[in-house]
Amino acid sequence: MKAIGCKWVYKRKPAVSKKEGEKFKAHLVAKGFSQKKGINYDEIFSPEVRLTSIKVVLALVPTWDLHLE
């Protein structure tokens, strides 16, 4: 099955005060128009990693004598 594509969306937020200045934000969004109902329509994938997952991996590195890069 072909993966769903994605693209970056950039947004400029106006300054609230002169001290702050403008803020620039970027979001990675999926191209939902390529999804098909019933095949991959209800699946959700998060680009974020939980802190507990990182802790588990870091705990397994010395236990299994692995090399971490």
Foldseek 3Di string as FASTA:
>chain_A
DDDFDKDKDKDKAQDPDPVPGIDIDIDIGTPLVPDDPPPCNPDDDDPDDDPVVVVVVVVVCVVVVHDDD
